[in-house]
Amino acid sequence: MNRIYILIIAISVNSLYAQIDPKNILLNKCLFSYTKYYPYLKGHKAFAYARVALGEEEYCTWSHGASSIEIARASALAACRQQKIDAECKIIDVNNTWLVQEGDFSIIIPPANKPLSQESYTILLNEAKKLVLGECLRLFDRHLKQKEHKVFAYSIDADGKYACGTTQAYQTLRQAALDAMQRCEEAKKSMGQDAPKHRCLPLSDGKKILAGVNDYNLTLHKKSNIFPNTQDFHNYINQAKKDFFGACLTQYKYYLRLKDHRAFYIAKSAKGEIACGYSFNQFTIDTAKKTAYEKCKTSAKFKKIDQPCTLYSLDLLSDKELEKKRILK
């Protein structure tokens, strides 16, 4: 009976050690040495290992043919500690017995290296299109097709200024994210005044979208791009003639044919003088309004109109229609 009880304890202890697989602890170089070379060494032996908590720096060494387990352990540790690495050296194996327990090292999740299905690829790409612009969208498309751990980092602000950085073929997702964000921040730095104001965030790990509209402090609306037919165009113009005339009316005609997001502001003096300003093809409604307002204000100042600029048209939609097109994430 006692023999069975002792056997059960031994099996339980071995199971505890086996819970953490070497591929979840060792990076590629040391994993190769541990699985392909070390198992076949003779005599008492020990395998020492060190890995920095952040990043992909590791070091390993081993001893074999020692006269005792204690000497094997001491020899492996001494050799490991000679390496200048910002991590503690630990014995992870003695005589082909894996000793790593939970908490000894951070866990590594090996990459699946399984390509996305066409359906998943399409869903992720369409989701990214709400935020990712220009060349960064083409980079994101390539990112989705890469293997191993990968991260796409992105920055964008309300003005539609953007920057990105991506990594691929990393052994750890954490390091892939850190390096992707660093590349994104370096891209921002190189852009000078054209750089987006928001910090870079990990947007995707190739399997899911990690950041959304709120993470970038944005309020986004779908672009309707309503272009009036001939009859509607004349109706808009006839309505506008009741409020303004001349150069501003001409600008309004152009405005009706432009893409969203667009805004049109006017200022009217007590004497009936008119100033106006408009914007188009802006990334956000807030920027469309801000840009048009500043143009109107500049025009009003030039014409010495003291009345404030007020919003006349926004994406050719009512406030209620605009709210329906808001993208919430």
Protein backbone atom coordinates (compact mmCIF):
# COMPACT_ATOMS: atom_id res chain seq x y z
CA MET A 1 0.00 0.00 0.00
CA ASN A 2 2.79 2.39 0.97
CA ARG A 3 4.64 1.55 -2.23
CA ILE A 4 1.56 2.50 -4.34
CA TYR A 5 1.19 5.79 -2.41
CA ILE A 6 4.84 6.69 -2.99
CA LEU A 7 4.46 5.86 -6.70
CA ILE A 8 1.44 8.15 -6.99
CA ILE A 9 3.40 11.00 -5.39
CA ALA A 10 6.29 10.45 -7.78
CA ILE A 11 3.95 10.52 -10.79
CA SER A 12 2.31 13.71 -9.50
CA VAL A 13 5.66 15.46 -9.08
CA ASN A 14 6.80 14.46 -12.54
CA SER A 15 3.47 15.67 -13.96
CA LEU A 16 3.99 19.03 -12.27
CA TYR A 17 7.37 19.43 -13.95
CA ALA A 18 5.92 18.34 -17.28
CA GLN A 19 3.16 20.94 -17.21
CA ILE A 20 5.41 23.57 -18.78
CA ASP A 21 6.84 22.42 -22.07
CA PRO A 22 10.41 23.45 -22.99
CA LYS A 23 9.10 25.18 -26.14
CA ASN A 24 7.17 27.50 -23.79
CA ILE A 25 10.37 28.47 -21.96
CA LEU A 26 13.33 28.29 -24.34
CA LEU A 27 13.90 30.47 -27.37
CA ASN A 28 15.02 28.91 -30.64
CA LYS A 29 18.77 28.65 -30.15
CA CYS A 30 18.71 27.13 -26.67
CA LEU A 31 15.67 25.01 -27.49
CA PHE A 32 17.66 23.43 -30.32
CA SER A 33 20.61 22.72 -28.01
CA TYR A 34 18.37 21.32 -25.28
CA THR A 35 16.32 19.02 -27.53
CA LYS A 36 18.82 18.01 -30.21
CA TYR A 37 22.19 17.87 -28.44
CA TYR A 38 21.97 17.81 -24.66
CA PRO A 39 19.80 14.63 -24.30
CA TYR A 40 22.56 12.46 -25.78
CA LEU A 41 25.38 13.57 -23.48
CA LYS A 42 26.64 10.92 -21.05
CA GLY A 43 27.31 10.91 -17.32
CA HIS A 44 25.93 13.31 -14.74
CA LYS A 45 24.88 16.48 -16.54
CA ALA A 46 23.02 19.74 -15.97
CA PHE A 47 21.59 22.43 -18.23
CA ALA A 48 21.68 26.09 -17.09
CA TYR A 49 19.55 28.81 -18.67
CA ALA A 50 18.98 32.58 -18.45
CA ARG A 51 16.48 34.76 -20.34
CA VAL A 52 15.74 38.45 -19.93
CA ALA A 53 12.20 39.19 -18.77
CA LEU A 54 11.57 41.50 -21.72
CA GLY A 55 12.95 40.77 -25.13
CA GLU A 56 14.51 37.82 -26.85
CA GLU A 57 17.95 37.64 -25.27
CA GLU A 58 18.87 34.26 -23.79
CA TYR A 59 21.93 32.26 -22.85
CA CYS A 60 22.43 28.60 -22.00
CA THR A 61 25.23 26.24 -21.19
CA TRP A 62 25.58 22.77 -19.78
CA SER A 63 28.01 20.36 -18.17
CA HIS A 64 28.29 16.60 -18.60
CA GLY A 65 30.43 13.66 -17.59
CA ALA A 66 30.62 14.94 -14.00
CA SER A 67 31.25 12.61 -11.08
CA SER A 68 28.11 13.78 -9.29
CA ILE A 69 24.89 15.73 -9.85
CA GLU A 70 26.10 18.50 -7.50
CA ILE A 71 29.29 19.01 -9.51
CA ALA A 72 27.32 19.01 -12.78
CA ARG A 73 24.93 21.68 -11.45
CA ALA A 74 27.72 23.85 -10.06
CA SER A 75 29.75 23.63 -13.25
CA ALA A 76 26.79 24.54 -15.50
CA LEU A 77 25.81 27.49 -13.29
CA ALA A 78 29.38 28.82 -13.14
CA ALA A 79 29.68 28.75 -16.93
CA CYS A 80 26.30 30.44 -17.35
CA ARG A 81 27.14 33.23 -14.91
CA GLN A 82 30.22 34.18 -16.91
CA GLN A 83 27.94 35.48 -19.65
CA LYS A 84 26.95 39.15 -19.29
CA ILE A 85 23.17 38.92 -19.45
CA ASP A 86 20.63 40.81 -17.36
CA ALA A 87 18.92 37.69 -16.06
CA GLU A 88 19.41 35.04 -13.40
CA CYS A 89 20.95 31.73 -14.44
CA LYS A 90 18.90 28.74 -13.33
CA ILE A 91 19.31 24.98 -13.64
CA ILE A 92 16.45 23.78 -15.80
CA ASP A 93 17.48 20.14 -16.28
CA VAL A 94 19.50 17.51 -14.47
CA ASN A 95 20.20 14.15 -16.11
CA ASN A 96 17.36 14.63 -18.63
CA THR A 97 14.81 15.61 -15.96
CA TRP A 98 13.04 18.89 -16.75
CA LEU A 99 12.89 21.04 -13.59
CA VAL A 100 11.16 24.26 -14.65
CA GLN A 101 8.09 25.18 -12.61
CA GLU A 102 5.48 27.87 -13.03
CA GLY A 103 6.93 31.28 -12.20
CA ASP A 104 10.55 30.41 -12.96
CA PHE A 105 10.33 32.16 -16.36
CA SER A 106 7.72 34.06 -18.32
CA ILE A 107 5.79 31.79 -20.66
CA ILE A 108 6.50 31.83 -24.39
CA ILE A 109 3.61 31.03 -26.72
CA PRO A 110 5.04 29.53 -29.91
CA PRO A 111 3.59 31.00 -33.10
CA ALA A 112 0.98 28.87 -34.83
CA ASN A 113 2.31 29.83 -38.30
CA LYS A 114 -1.11 29.02 -39.70
CA PRO A 115 -2.24 31.37 -42.47
CA LEU A 116 -5.50 33.25 -42.03
CA SER A 117 -8.56 31.94 -43.75
CA GLN A 118 -9.84 34.15 -46.56
CA GLU A 119 -12.86 35.03 -44.43
CA SER A 120 -10.73 36.10 -41.44
CA TYR A 121 -8.37 38.04 -43.69
CA THR A 122 -11.27 39.96 -45.25
CA ILE A 123 -12.84 40.73 -41.86
CA LEU A 124 -9.58 42.06 -40.39
CA LEU A 125 -8.76 44.12 -43.47
CA ASN A 126 -12.21 45.71 -43.55
CA GLU A 127 -12.02 46.49 -39.85
CA ALA A 128 -8.60 48.09 -40.28
CA LYS A 129 -9.84 50.28 -43.15
CA LYS A 130 -11.84 52.33 -40.63
CA LEU A 131 -8.56 53.61 -39.19
CA VAL A 132 -5.60 52.68 -41.38
CA LEU A 133 -4.83 55.00 -44.29
CA GLY A 134 -2.56 55.25 -47.32
CA GLU A 135 0.71 53.35 -47.42
CA CYS A 136 0.07 52.02 -43.92
CA LEU A 137 -2.99 50.14 -45.20
CA ARG A 138 -0.81 48.41 -47.80
CA LEU A 139 1.68 47.56 -45.06
CA PHE A 140 -1.15 46.19 -42.94
CA ASP A 141 -2.23 43.97 -45.81
CA ARG A 142 1.28 42.48 -45.98
CA HIS A 143 1.29 42.15 -42.18
CA LEU A 144 -1.75 39.86 -42.30
CA LYS A 145 0.06 37.48 -44.66
CA GLN A 146 3.25 37.13 -42.59
CA LYS A 147 4.04 34.13 -40.37
CA GLU A 148 5.34 33.73 -36.80
CA HIS A 149 4.75 36.37 -34.14
CA LYS A 150 4.03 39.73 -35.73
CA VAL A 151 2.58 43.06 -34.67
CA PHE A 152 1.37 46.10 -36.57
CA ALA A 153 1.68 49.35 -34.62
CA TYR A 154 -0.18 52.46 -35.70
CA SER A 155 -0.75 56.09 -34.81
CA ILE A 156 -3.43 58.40 -36.14
CA ASP A 157 -5.04 61.64 -35.03
CA ALA A 158 -8.20 63.57 -35.84
CA ASP A 159 -6.45 65.44 -38.67
CA GLY A 160 -5.84 62.17 -40.51
CA LYS A 161 -2.08 62.25 -39.95
CA TYR A 162 -0.76 58.73 -39.49
CA ALA A 163 2.34 56.59 -39.00
CA CYS A 164 2.98 52.88 -38.65
CA GLY A 165 5.56 50.21 -37.97
CA THR A 166 5.46 46.44 -38.27
CA THR A 167 7.48 43.40 -37.22
CA GLN A 168 7.49 39.77 -38.32
CA ALA A 169 9.15 36.44 -37.58
CA TYR A 170 9.62 37.09 -33.86
CA GLN A 171 9.81 34.32 -31.28
CA THR A 172 7.78 36.22 -28.69
CA LEU A 173 4.69 38.33 -29.21
CA ARG A 174 5.81 40.75 -26.49
CA GLN A 175 9.06 41.58 -28.28
CA ALA A 176 7.27 41.84 -31.62
CA ALA A 177 4.95 44.44 -30.06
CA LEU A 178 7.75 46.43 -28.42
CA ASP A 179 9.79 46.61 -31.62
CA ALA A 180 6.76 47.44 -33.79
CA MET A 181 5.87 50.38 -31.53
CA GLN A 182 9.47 51.56 -31.55
CA ARG A 183 9.51 51.50 -35.36
CA CYS A 184 6.23 53.38 -35.45
CA GLU A 185 7.55 56.05 -33.08
CA GLU A 186 10.71 56.38 -35.17
CA ALA A 187 8.55 56.88 -38.27
CA LYS A 188 6.64 59.62 -36.43
CA LYS A 189 9.87 61.32 -35.41
CA SER A 190 11.08 61.41 -39.01
CA MET A 191 7.85 63.14 -40.12
CA GLY A 192 8.43 66.32 -38.13
CA GLN A 193 5.39 68.61 -38.10
CA ASP A 194 3.45 66.14 -40.28
CA ALA A 195 3.56 63.48 -37.55
CA PRO A 196 0.32 62.37 -35.88
CA LYS A 197 -0.21 63.66 -32.35
CA HIS A 198 -1.31 60.35 -30.82
CA ARG A 199 1.20 57.79 -29.54
CA CYS A 200 1.69 54.52 -31.41
CA LEU A 201 -0.39 51.56 -30.28
CA PRO A 202 -0.34 47.86 -31.23
CA LEU A 203 -3.22 47.64 -33.69
CA SER A 204 -3.01 43.98 -34.70
CA ASP A 205 -1.17 40.75 -33.93
CA GLY A 206 -2.25 39.27 -37.25
CA LYS A 207 -5.17 37.41 -35.69
CA LYS A 208 -7.30 40.20 -34.25
CA ILE A 209 -7.63 43.96 -34.04
CA LEU A 210 -6.20 45.18 -30.74
CA ALA A 211 -7.10 48.89 -30.80
CA GLY A 212 -10.14 50.82 -31.89
CA VAL A 213 -11.52 54.29 -32.44
CA ASN A 214 -11.76 55.14 -28.74
CA ASP A 215 -8.16 54.09 -28.11
CA TYR A 216 -7.06 56.89 -30.45
CA ASN A 217 -9.49 59.39 -28.89
CA LEU A 218 -11.37 59.70 -32.18
CA THR A 219 -14.98 60.21 -33.12
CA LEU A 220 -15.45 58.76 -36.58
CA HIS A 221 -18.39 58.81 -38.97
CA LYS A 222 -18.88 56.83 -42.13
CA LYS A 223 -18.35 58.97 -45.20
CA SER A 224 -21.62 59.17 -47.13
CA ASN A 225 -20.23 61.16 -50.08
CA ILE A 226 -23.68 62.32 -51.17
CA PHE A 227 -23.49 63.95 -54.59
CA PRO A 228 -26.71 65.79 -55.50
CA ASN A 229 -28.43 65.05 -58.78
CA THR A 230 -29.28 67.99 -61.02
CA GLN A 231 -32.61 68.73 -59.39
CA ASP A 232 -31.25 68.46 -55.82
CA PHE A 233 -28.26 70.59 -56.77
CA HIS A 234 -30.53 73.42 -57.93
CA ASN A 235 -32.65 73.05 -54.79
CA TYR A 236 -29.54 73.46 -52.62
CA ILE A 237 -28.46 76.51 -54.60
CA ASN A 238 -31.89 78.14 -54.48
CA GLN A 239 -31.98 77.67 -50.72
CA ALA A 240 -28.46 79.10 -50.35
CA LYS A 241 -29.36 82.22 -52.39
CA LYS A 242 -31.61 83.24 -49.49
CA ASP A 243 -28.58 83.34 -47.17
CA PHE A 244 -25.56 84.42 -49.22
CA PHE A 245 -24.39 85.44 -52.68
CA GLY A 246 -21.39 86.27 -54.86
CA ALA A 247 -18.07 84.48 -54.27
CA CYS A 248 -19.47 82.46 -51.36
CA LEU A 249 -22.30 81.17 -53.52
CA THR A 250 -19.74 80.09 -56.14
CA GLN A 251 -17.70 78.32 -53.44
CA TYR A 252 -20.83 76.59 -52.22
CA LYS A 253 -21.44 75.21 -55.72
CA TYR A 254 -17.98 73.63 -55.61
CA TYR A 255 -18.62 72.40 -52.09
CA LEU A 256 -21.72 70.46 -53.19
CA ARG A 257 -19.60 68.35 -55.56
CA LEU A 258 -16.79 67.53 -53.11
CA LYS A 259 -16.15 64.44 -50.98
CA ASP A 260 -16.80 64.00 -47.26
CA HIS A 261 -16.03 64.95 -44.67
CA ARG A 262 -16.85 68.51 -45.68
CA ALA A 263 -18.09 71.59 -43.90
CA PHE A 264 -19.21 75.06 -44.98
CA TYR A 265 -19.20 78.10 -42.69
CA ILE A 266 -20.51 81.62 -43.27
CA ALA A 267 -20.36 84.97 -41.46
CA LYS A 268 -22.68 87.85 -42.28
CA SER A 269 -22.27 91.44 -41.15
CA ALA A 270 -25.12 93.77 -40.19
CA LYS A 271 -24.61 95.48 -43.57
CA GLY A 272 -25.10 92.18 -45.40
CA GLU A 273 -21.44 91.53 -46.26
CA ILE A 274 -20.57 87.81 -46.47
CA ALA A 275 -17.48 85.76 -45.60
CA CYS A 276 -17.22 81.99 -45.90
CA GLY A 277 -14.89 79.03 -45.74
CA TYR A 278 -15.17 75.36 -46.60
CA SER A 279 -13.27 72.09 -46.25
CA PHE A 280 -13.52 68.69 -47.88
CA ASN A 281 -12.12 65.15 -47.84
CA GLN A 282 -11.17 65.41 -44.17
CA PHE A 283 -10.58 62.32 -41.99
CA THR A 284 -12.98 63.39 -39.24
CA ILE A 285 -15.97 65.68 -38.98
CA ASP A 286 -14.23 67.61 -36.21
CA THR A 287 -11.31 68.39 -38.50
CA ALA A 288 -13.63 69.28 -41.38
CA LYS A 289 -15.41 71.77 -39.14
CA LYS A 290 -12.20 73.17 -37.68
CA THR A 291 -10.58 73.66 -41.09
CA ALA A 292 -13.64 75.33 -42.64
CA TYR A 293 -14.16 77.52 -39.58
CA GLU A 294 -10.56 78.80 -39.65
CA LYS A 295 -10.88 79.66 -43.36
CA CYS A 296 -14.12 81.50 -42.72
CA LYS A 297 -12.63 83.36 -39.76
CA THR A 298 -9.64 84.46 -41.85
CA SER A 299 -11.95 85.69 -44.60
CA ALA A 300 -14.17 87.52 -42.11
CA LYS A 301 -11.16 89.24 -40.55
CA PHE A 302 -9.95 90.37 -43.98
CA LYS A 303 -13.41 91.78 -44.78
CA LYS A 304 -13.68 93.30 -41.29
CA ILE A 305 -16.81 91.32 -40.44
CA ASP A 306 -17.30 91.15 -36.69
CA GLN A 307 -20.05 88.53 -36.67
CA PRO A 308 -18.93 84.96 -35.83
CA CYS A 309 -18.67 82.23 -38.44
CA THR A 310 -21.49 79.71 -38.14
CA LEU A 311 -21.90 76.25 -39.61
CA TYR A 312 -24.09 76.24 -42.69
CA SER A 313 -23.63 72.69 -44.00
CA LEU A 314 -21.93 69.50 -42.81
CA ASP A 315 -21.70 66.48 -45.13
CA LEU A 316 -25.10 67.59 -46.52
CA LEU A 317 -26.70 65.74 -43.60
CA SER A 318 -28.80 66.66 -40.60
CA ASP A 319 -27.50 66.14 -37.04
CA LYS A 320 -29.75 63.09 -36.71
CA GLU A 321 -28.44 61.56 -39.94
CA LEU A 322 -24.85 62.23 -38.88
CA GLU A 323 -25.32 60.47 -35.55
CA LYS A 324 -26.52 57.34 -37.34
CA LYS A 325 -23.26 57.26 -39.28
CA ARG A 326 -21.07 57.51 -36.21
CA ILE A 327 -18.62 54.63 -35.83
CA LEU A 328 -18.63 53.43 -32.22
CA LYS A 329 -15.94 51.12 -30.90
